[in-house]
């Protein structure tokens, strides 16, 4: 924005929210839960698991990014790239167990000492307008990942 104000350089700021997909680091919750479920290992959830998150499948992130690059929409603007379907972390674990047919158990650990945000959910109105479609559902994205992991 400063370069636009100072030099007239156009920009678009992309705010990315919880993207997941193939080849993602296992440090993130979706691949961590999925790998544990596929092995039949316990899935660990911090605290009560009622904290909510949203998850954006990588294809939606890529499609939105390419659409920004190839259009004149949202010039000198900010756009959230994500999904607005909130899911509790405990429900994410249950969904992954169900979709994989896993025998994994959900094990609760104490809440993280540094705390955990209770809710995180972007407004993706602009992304929907840009793509002209709904984002890929969490269930469909996980099904795609299961196929990748096999």
C-alpha atoms as a PDB file:
ATOM      1  CA  UNK A   1       0.000   0.000   0.000  1.00  0.00           C
ATOM      2  CA  UNK A   2       2.858   2.337   0.777  1.00  0.00           C
ATOM      3  CA  UNK A   3       4.378   1.778  -2.696  1.00  0.00           C
ATOM      4  CA  UNK A   4       0.972   2.533  -4.214  1.00  0.00           C
ATOM      5  CA  UNK A   5       0.700   5.754  -2.235  1.00  0.00           C
ATOM      6  CA  UNK A   6       4.289   6.763  -2.924  1.00  0.00           C
ATOM      7  CA  UNK A   7       4.818   5.499  -6.495  1.00  0.00           C
ATOM      8  CA  UNK A   8       1.405   4.493  -7.881  1.00  0.00           C
ATOM      9  CA  UNK A   9       2.323   0.782  -7.977  1.00  0.00           C
ATOM     10  CA  UNK A  10      -0.803  -1.366  -7.991  1.00  0.00           C
ATOM     11  CA  UNK A  11      -1.147  -4.208  -5.509  1.00  0.00           C
ATOM     12  CA  UNK A  12      -3.497  -6.911  -4.323  1.00  0.00           C
ATOM     13  CA  UNK A  13      -3.025  -8.344  -0.849  1.00  0.00           C
ATOM     14  CA  UNK A  14      -3.946 -12.012  -0.455  1.00  0.00           C
ATOM     15  CA  UNK A  15      -4.699 -13.089   3.119  1.00  0.00           C
ATOM     16  CA  UNK A  16      -4.355 -16.891   3.200  1.00  0.00           C
ATOM     17  CA  UNK A  17      -6.252 -18.927   5.790  1.00  0.00           C
ATOM     18  CA  UNK A  18      -5.431 -22.533   6.783  1.00  0.00           C
ATOM     19  CA  UNK A  19      -4.630 -24.032   3.411  1.00  0.00           C
ATOM     20  CA  UNK A  20      -4.219 -27.819   3.284  1.00  0.00           C
ATOM     21  CA  UNK A  21      -3.468 -30.346   0.582  1.00  0.00           C
ATOM     22  CA  UNK A  22      -0.998 -32.864  -0.804  1.00  0.00           C
ATOM     23  CA  UNK A  23       2.653 -32.582   0.253  1.00  0.00           C
ATOM     24  CA  UNK A  24       1.832 -30.289   3.183  1.00  0.00           C
ATOM     25  CA  UNK A  25       4.095 -30.487   6.208  1.00  0.00           C
ATOM     26  CA  UNK A  26       2.848 -32.868   8.883  1.00  0.00           C
ATOM     27  CA  UNK A  27       3.169 -30.032  11.399  1.00  0.00           C
ATOM     28  CA  UNK A  28      -0.329 -28.909  10.397  1.00  0.00           C
ATOM     29  CA  UNK A  29      -3.522 -30.348  11.849  1.00  0.00           C
ATOM     30  CA  UNK A  30      -5.192 -31.905   8.779  1.00  0.00           C
ATOM     31  CA  UNK A  31      -2.208 -33.987   7.586  1.00  0.00           C
ATOM     32  CA  UNK A  32      -1.257 -34.809  11.182  1.00  0.00           C
ATOM     33  CA  UNK A  33      -4.751 -36.135  11.985  1.00  0.00           C
ATOM     34  CA  UNK A  34      -5.016 -37.905   8.633  1.00  0.00           C
ATOM     35  CA  UNK A  35      -1.673 -39.692   8.890  1.00  0.00           C
ATOM     36  CA  UNK A  36      -2.490 -40.802  12.450  1.00  0.00           C
ATOM     37  CA  UNK A  37      -5.904 -42.110  11.351  1.00  0.00           C
ATOM     38  CA  UNK A  38      -4.449 -44.021   8.402  1.00  0.00           C
ATOM     39  CA  UNK A  39      -1.960 -45.709  10.761  1.00  0.00           C
ATOM     40  CA  UNK A  40      -4.626 -46.354  13.430  1.00  0.00           C
ATOM     41  CA  UNK A  41      -2.709 -44.195  15.916  1.00  0.00           C
ATOM     42  CA  UNK A  42      -4.350 -42.028  18.551  1.00  0.00           C
ATOM     43  CA  UNK A  43      -5.350 -38.546  17.398  1.00  0.00           C
ATOM     44  CA  UNK A  44      -4.413 -35.922  19.965  1.00  0.00           C
ATOM     45  CA  UNK A  45      -6.614 -32.880  20.509  1.00  0.00           C
ATOM     46  CA  UNK A  46      -5.550 -30.046  22.785  1.00  0.00           C
ATOM     47  CA  UNK A  47      -8.150 -28.952  25.326  1.00  0.00           C
ATOM     48  CA  UNK A  48     -11.815 -29.732  24.749  1.00  0.00           C
ATOM     49  CA  UNK A  49     -11.535 -29.509  20.943  1.00  0.00           C
ATOM     50  CA  UNK A  50     -14.375 -27.004  20.703  1.00  0.00           C
ATOM     51  CA  UNK A  51     -12.102 -24.365  19.159  1.00  0.00           C
ATOM     52  CA  UNK A  52     -13.158 -23.828  15.539  1.00  0.00           C
ATOM     53  CA  UNK A  53     -11.135 -23.458  12.386  1.00  0.00           C
ATOM     54  CA  UNK A  54     -11.741 -23.247   8.664  1.00  0.00           C
ATOM     55  CA  UNK A  55      -9.749 -25.134   6.037  1.00  0.00           C
ATOM     56  CA  UNK A  56      -9.092 -24.151   2.421  1.00  0.00           C
ATOM     57  CA  UNK A  57      -8.142 -26.905   0.004  1.00  0.00           C
ATOM     58  CA  UNK A  58      -5.025 -26.006  -2.000  1.00  0.00           C
ATOM     59  CA  UNK A  59      -6.888 -26.080  -5.345  1.00  0.00           C
ATOM     60  CA  UNK A  60      -9.123 -23.210  -4.168  1.00  0.00           C
ATOM     61  CA  UNK A  61      -6.059 -21.248  -3.069  1.00  0.00           C
ATOM     62  CA  UNK A  62      -4.362 -21.779  -6.441  1.00  0.00           C
ATOM     63  CA  UNK A  63      -7.523 -21.031  -8.444  1.00  0.00           C
ATOM     64  CA  UNK A  64      -8.095 -17.788  -6.535  1.00  0.00           C
ATOM     65  CA  UNK A  65      -4.460 -16.711  -6.822  1.00  0.00           C
ATOM     66  CA  UNK A  66      -4.403 -17.354 -10.577  1.00  0.00           C
ATOM     67  CA  UNK A  67      -7.740 -15.573 -11.016  1.00  0.00           C
ATOM     68  CA  UNK A  68      -6.301 -12.508  -9.260  1.00  0.00           C
ATOM     69  CA  UNK A  69      -3.222 -12.569 -11.502  1.00  0.00           C
ATOM     70  CA  UNK A  70      -5.307 -12.913 -14.659  1.00  0.00           C
ATOM     71  CA  UNK A  71      -7.989 -10.335 -13.923  1.00  0.00           C
ATOM     72  CA  UNK A  72      -8.406  -6.716 -13.014  1.00  0.00           C
ATOM     73  CA  UNK A  73     -10.531  -7.535  -9.979  1.00  0.00           C
ATOM     74  CA  UNK A  74      -9.485  -6.378  -6.537  1.00  0.00           C
ATOM     75  CA  UNK A  75      -6.692  -4.101  -7.699  1.00  0.00           C
ATOM     76  CA  UNK A  76      -5.443  -2.058  -4.736  1.00  0.00           C
ATOM     77  CA  UNK A  77      -7.535  -4.189  -2.422  1.00  0.00           C
ATOM     78  CA  UNK A  78      -7.248  -7.069   0.047  1.00  0.00           C
ATOM     79  CA  UNK A  79      -8.907 -10.453  -0.488  1.00  0.00           C
ATOM     80  CA  UNK A  80      -9.216 -13.339   1.950  1.00  0.00           C
ATOM     81  CA  UNK A  81      -8.344 -16.730   0.457  1.00  0.00           C
ATOM     82  CA  UNK A  82      -9.898 -19.453   2.556  1.00  0.00           C
ATOM     83  CA  UNK A  83     -13.130 -21.131   3.480  1.00  0.00           C
ATOM     84  CA  UNK A  84     -15.820 -19.933   5.856  1.00  0.00           C
ATOM     85  CA  UNK A  85     -17.237 -23.326   6.852  1.00  0.00           C
ATOM     86  CA  UNK A  86     -16.230 -23.541  10.507  1.00  0.00           C
ATOM     87  CA  UNK A  87     -15.507 -26.897  12.098  1.00  0.00           C
ATOM     88  CA  UNK A  88     -14.574 -27.699  15.684  1.00  0.00           C
ATOM     89  CA  UNK A  89     -11.201 -29.430  15.969  1.00  0.00           C
ATOM     90  CA  UNK A  90     -12.867 -32.399  17.710  1.00  0.00           C
ATOM     91  CA  UNK A  91     -15.308 -32.704  14.792  1.00  0.00           C
ATOM     92  CA  UNK A  92     -12.411 -32.573  12.324  1.00  0.00           C
ATOM     93  CA  UNK A  93     -10.847 -35.544  14.121  1.00  0.00           C
ATOM     94  CA  UNK A  94     -14.161 -37.451  14.063  1.00  0.00           C
ATOM     95  CA  UNK A  95     -14.668 -36.708  10.364  1.00  0.00           C
ATOM     96  CA  UNK A  96     -11.185 -37.962   9.483  1.00  0.00           C
ATOM     97  CA  UNK A  97     -11.714 -41.139  11.520  1.00  0.00           C
ATOM     98  CA  UNK A  98     -15.042 -41.716   9.749  1.00  0.00           C
ATOM     99  CA  UNK A  99     -13.731 -41.051   6.227  1.00  0.00           C
ATOM    100  CA  UNK A 100     -10.688 -43.287   6.706  1.00  0.00           C
ATOM    101  CA  UNK A 101     -12.591 -46.049   8.512  1.00  0.00           C
ATOM    102  CA  UNK A 102      -9.907 -45.802  11.175  1.00  0.00           C
ATOM    103  CA  UNK A 103      -9.840 -47.433  14.595  1.00  0.00           C
ATOM    104  CA  UNK A 104      -8.008 -44.397  15.989  1.00  0.00           C
ATOM    105  CA  UNK A 105      -9.087 -42.982  19.323  1.00  0.00           C
ATOM    106  CA  UNK A 106      -9.261 -39.297  20.135  1.00  0.00           C
ATOM    107  CA  UNK A 107      -7.053 -38.456  23.103  1.00  0.00           C
ATOM    108  CA  UNK A 108      -7.348 -35.076  24.807  1.00  0.00           C
ATOM    109  CA  UNK A 109      -4.230 -33.294  26.022  1.00  0.00           C
ATOM    110  CA  UNK A 110      -4.202 -30.211  28.238  1.00  0.00           C
ATOM    111  CA  UNK A 111      -4.715 -26.919  26.409  1.00  0.00           C
ATOM    112  CA  UNK A 112      -1.571 -25.382  24.974  1.00  0.00           C
ATOM    113  CA  UNK A 113       0.210 -23.278  27.609  1.00  0.00           C
ATOM    114  CA  UNK A 114       0.403 -20.299  25.253  1.00  0.00           C
ATOM    115  CA  UNK A 115      -3.345 -20.532  24.671  1.00  0.00           C
ATOM    116  CA  UNK A 116      -5.334 -21.245  21.532  1.00  0.00           C
ATOM    117  CA  UNK A 117      -7.653 -19.029  19.548  1.00  0.00           C
ATOM    118  CA  UNK A 118     -11.242 -20.178  20.088  1.00  0.00           C
ATOM    119  CA  UNK A 119     -12.436 -19.180  16.624  1.00  0.00           C
ATOM    120  CA  UNK A 120     -10.956 -18.222  13.283  1.00  0.00           C
ATOM    121  CA  UNK A 121     -13.188 -17.593  10.263  1.00  0.00           C
ATOM    122  CA  UNK A 122     -12.530 -15.326   7.248  1.00  0.00           C
ATOM    123  CA  UNK A 123     -15.067 -13.411   5.205  1.00  0.00           C
ATOM    124  CA  UNK A 124     -14.649 -14.923   1.717  1.00  0.00           C
ATOM    125  CA  UNK A 125     -17.313 -12.914  -0.103  1.00  0.00           C
ATOM    126  CA  UNK A 126     -14.722 -11.509  -2.525  1.00  0.00           C
ATOM    127  CA  UNK A 127     -13.197 -14.947  -3.171  1.00  0.00           C
ATOM    128  CA  UNK A 128     -16.616 -16.399  -4.016  1.00  0.00           C
ATOM    129  CA  UNK A 129     -17.217 -13.544  -6.455  1.00  0.00           C
ATOM    130  CA  UNK A 130     -13.765 -14.047  -7.968  1.00  0.00           C
ATOM    131  CA  UNK A 131     -14.169 -17.827  -8.434  1.00  0.00           C
ATOM    132  CA  UNK A 132     -17.876 -17.825  -9.252  1.00  0.00           C
ATOM    133  CA  UNK A 133     -18.324 -20.958  -7.152  1.00  0.00           C
ATOM    134  CA  UNK A 134     -18.274 -22.300  -3.633  1.00  0.00           C
ATOM    135  CA  UNK A 135     -14.995 -23.515  -2.159  1.00  0.00           C
ATOM    136  CA  UNK A 136     -14.270 -27.237  -1.965  1.00  0.00           C
ATOM    137  CA  UNK A 137     -15.872 -28.697   1.143  1.00  0.00           C
ATOM    138  CA  UNK A 138     -13.715 -30.041   3.944  1.00  0.00           C
ATOM    139  CA  UNK A 139     -15.140 -33.529   3.432  1.00  0.00           C
ATOM    140  CA  UNK A 140     -14.333 -33.499  -0.291  1.00  0.00           C
ATOM    141  CA  UNK A 141     -10.847 -32.129   0.356  1.00  0.00           C
ATOM    142  CA  UNK A 142     -10.113 -34.830   2.913  1.00  0.00           C
ATOM    143  CA  UNK A 143     -11.359 -37.503   0.499  1.00  0.00           C
ATOM    144  CA  UNK A 144      -8.901 -36.156  -2.097  1.00  0.00           C
ATOM    145  CA  UNK A 145      -6.088 -36.307   0.463  1.00  0.00           C
ATOM    146  CA  UNK A 146      -6.926 -39.856   1.431  1.00  0.00           C
ATOM    147  CA  UNK A 147      -6.450 -40.849  -2.204  1.00  0.00           C
ATOM    148  CA  UNK A 148      -3.117 -38.989  -2.293  1.00  0.00           C
ATOM    149  CA  UNK A 149      -1.902 -40.728   0.878  1.00  0.00           C
ATOM    150  CA  UNK A 150      -2.704 -44.223  -0.402  1.00  0.00           C
END
